[in-house]
Amino acid sequence: MNILPRITTRSHNDNLVKIRQKLIRQEAKMGGKLFGPVPKGTQREFFCLDEKSFVWHETWNENGRQYSISTRYEVRPEGVFKTQNGGSYQGLTITEAVNLYNAVGIYRDKVAAAYSN
């Protein structure tokens, strides 16, 4: 019984997963700066999770308390939907859709520029 091909394949897949996670973290940092500097004490991320999903995540401190919000946008055949902090999905308003479209375009351009260097 030859176990080496299974180990090699699993090891290769694990490495690909780690590389993908690292790239997403780097892209999330770039995406968090799309709309200007991030205030001190705030963490902001925007990234493409997969070919149909984008995530906006922000954590900040206010009056000694930490707040966090995660918004996941999903592109579906019937439209674009969002969920915040794991709540139910709802459709985007026209303004939200335009803002997301613009953000995705800027994000795409910044990420492409970073990878072409």
Protein backbone atom coordinates (compact mmCIF):
# COMPACT_ATOMS: atom_id res chain seq x y z
CA MET A 1 0.00 0.00 0.00
CA ASN A 2 1.44 3.33 -1.05
CA ILE A 3 0.47 6.08 1.40
CA LEU A 4 2.84 8.75 0.04
CA PRO A 5 0.50 10.08 -2.71
CA ARG A 6 -2.25 10.67 -0.13
CA ILE A 7 0.11 12.48 2.24
CA THR A 8 1.58 14.56 -0.56
CA THR A 9 -1.86 15.55 -1.85
CA ARG A 10 -3.13 16.46 1.62
CA SER A 11 0.02 18.44 2.36
CA HIS A 12 -0.29 20.25 -0.98
CA ASN A 13 -3.96 21.06 -0.31
CA ASP A 14 -3.13 22.30 3.20
CA ASN A 15 -0.48 24.60 1.73
CA LEU A 16 -2.93 25.96 -0.84
CA VAL A 17 -5.48 26.67 1.91
CA LYS A 18 -2.83 28.51 3.97
CA ILE A 19 -1.75 30.56 0.95
CA ARG A 20 -5.37 31.46 0.14
CA GLN A 21 -6.02 32.52 3.76
CA LYS A 22 -2.88 34.69 3.76
CA LEU A 23 -3.92 36.37 0.51
CA ILE A 24 -7.41 37.06 1.87
CA ARG A 25 -5.91 38.65 5.01
CA GLN A 26 -3.66 40.88 2.87
CA GLU A 27 -6.54 41.84 0.60
CA ALA A 28 -8.77 42.52 3.62
CA LYS A 29 -6.24 45.05 4.93
CA MET A 30 -6.04 46.76 1.54
CA GLY A 31 -9.81 46.77 1.27
CA GLY A 32 -10.17 48.30 4.72
CA LYS A 33 -8.35 51.41 3.50
CA LEU A 34 -10.53 51.95 0.42
CA PHE A 35 -12.32 54.92 1.91
CA GLY A 36 -9.43 56.65 3.61
CA PRO A 37 -7.32 56.19 6.71
CA VAL A 38 -8.57 53.87 9.41
CA PRO A 39 -8.94 55.73 12.73
CA LYS A 40 -6.75 54.66 15.63
CA GLY A 41 -8.38 51.89 17.64
CA THR A 42 -10.43 50.77 14.62
CA GLN A 43 -9.95 47.69 12.53
CA ARG A 44 -11.60 47.72 9.12
CA GLU A 45 -11.57 45.02 6.44
CA PHE A 46 -13.20 44.55 3.07
CA PHE A 47 -12.48 41.50 0.97
CA CYS A 48 -13.70 39.02 -1.58
CA LEU A 49 -14.45 35.74 0.17
CA ASP A 50 -15.28 33.80 -2.99
CA GLU A 51 -16.55 34.54 -6.48
CA LYS A 52 -20.01 35.57 -5.20
CA SER A 53 -19.35 36.92 -1.69
CA PHE A 54 -17.80 40.05 -0.21
CA VAL A 55 -17.30 40.86 3.46
CA TRP A 56 -17.06 44.21 5.26
CA HIS A 57 -15.90 43.93 8.86
CA GLU A 58 -15.27 46.75 11.29
CA THR A 59 -14.32 46.78 14.97
CA TRP A 60 -14.00 49.97 17.01
CA ASN A 61 -13.86 51.22 20.59
CA GLU A 62 -16.31 53.74 21.94
CA ASN A 63 -16.71 54.87 25.55
CA GLY A 64 -14.52 52.01 26.75
CA ARG A 65 -16.56 49.36 24.94
CA GLN A 66 -15.64 47.39 21.84
CA TYR A 67 -18.13 47.17 18.99
CA SER A 68 -18.04 45.01 15.90
CA ILE A 69 -20.12 44.63 12.77
CA SER A 70 -19.72 42.15 9.92
CA THR A 71 -21.66 42.52 6.71
CA ARG A 72 -21.60 39.77 4.15
CA TYR A 73 -22.80 40.54 0.63
CA GLU A 74 -23.88 37.70 -1.64
CA VAL A 75 -24.48 37.98 -5.36
CA ARG A 76 -27.34 35.71 -6.40
CA PRO A 77 -29.22 35.32 -9.69
CA GLU A 78 -32.16 37.22 -8.21
CA GLY A 79 -30.08 40.10 -6.82
CA VAL A 80 -27.53 41.13 -4.22
CA PHE A 81 -28.30 40.39 -0.58
CA LYS A 82 -26.63 41.20 2.71
CA THR A 83 -26.57 39.83 6.21
CA GLN A 84 -25.20 41.66 9.21
CA ASN A 85 -23.72 39.79 12.16
CA GLY A 86 -25.32 36.56 11.00
CA GLY A 87 -28.85 37.92 10.81
CA SER A 88 -31.36 37.24 8.06
CA TYR A 89 -30.55 38.17 4.47
CA GLN A 90 -32.15 41.22 2.93
CA GLY A 91 -31.92 42.91 -0.44
CA LEU A 92 -29.83 46.02 -0.92
CA THR A 93 -31.26 49.45 -1.47
CA ILE A 94 -30.28 51.17 -4.71
CA THR A 95 -27.81 53.37 -2.79
CA GLU A 96 -26.24 50.34 -1.09
CA ALA A 97 -25.98 48.51 -4.41
CA VAL A 98 -24.26 51.47 -6.07
CA ASN A 99 -21.86 51.86 -3.11
CA LEU A 100 -21.02 48.15 -3.15
CA TYR A 101 -20.50 48.21 -6.92
CA ASN A 102 -18.11 51.16 -6.57
CA ALA A 103 -16.27 49.56 -3.62
CA VAL A 104 -15.82 46.29 -5.52
CA GLY A 105 -14.40 48.17 -8.52
CA ILE A 106 -11.90 50.08 -6.39
CA TYR A 107 -11.00 46.91 -4.48
CA ARG A 108 -10.47 44.97 -7.71
CA ASP A 109 -8.18 47.68 -9.11
CA LYS A 110 -6.09 47.93 -5.91
CA VAL A 111 -5.70 44.17 -5.57
CA ALA A 112 -4.80 43.79 -9.26
CA ALA A 113 -2.21 46.57 -8.95
CA ALA A 114 -0.70 44.94 -5.84
CA TYR A 115 -0.34 41.60 -7.59
CA SER A 116 1.10 43.05 -10.78
CA ASN A 117 4.10 44.56 -8.96
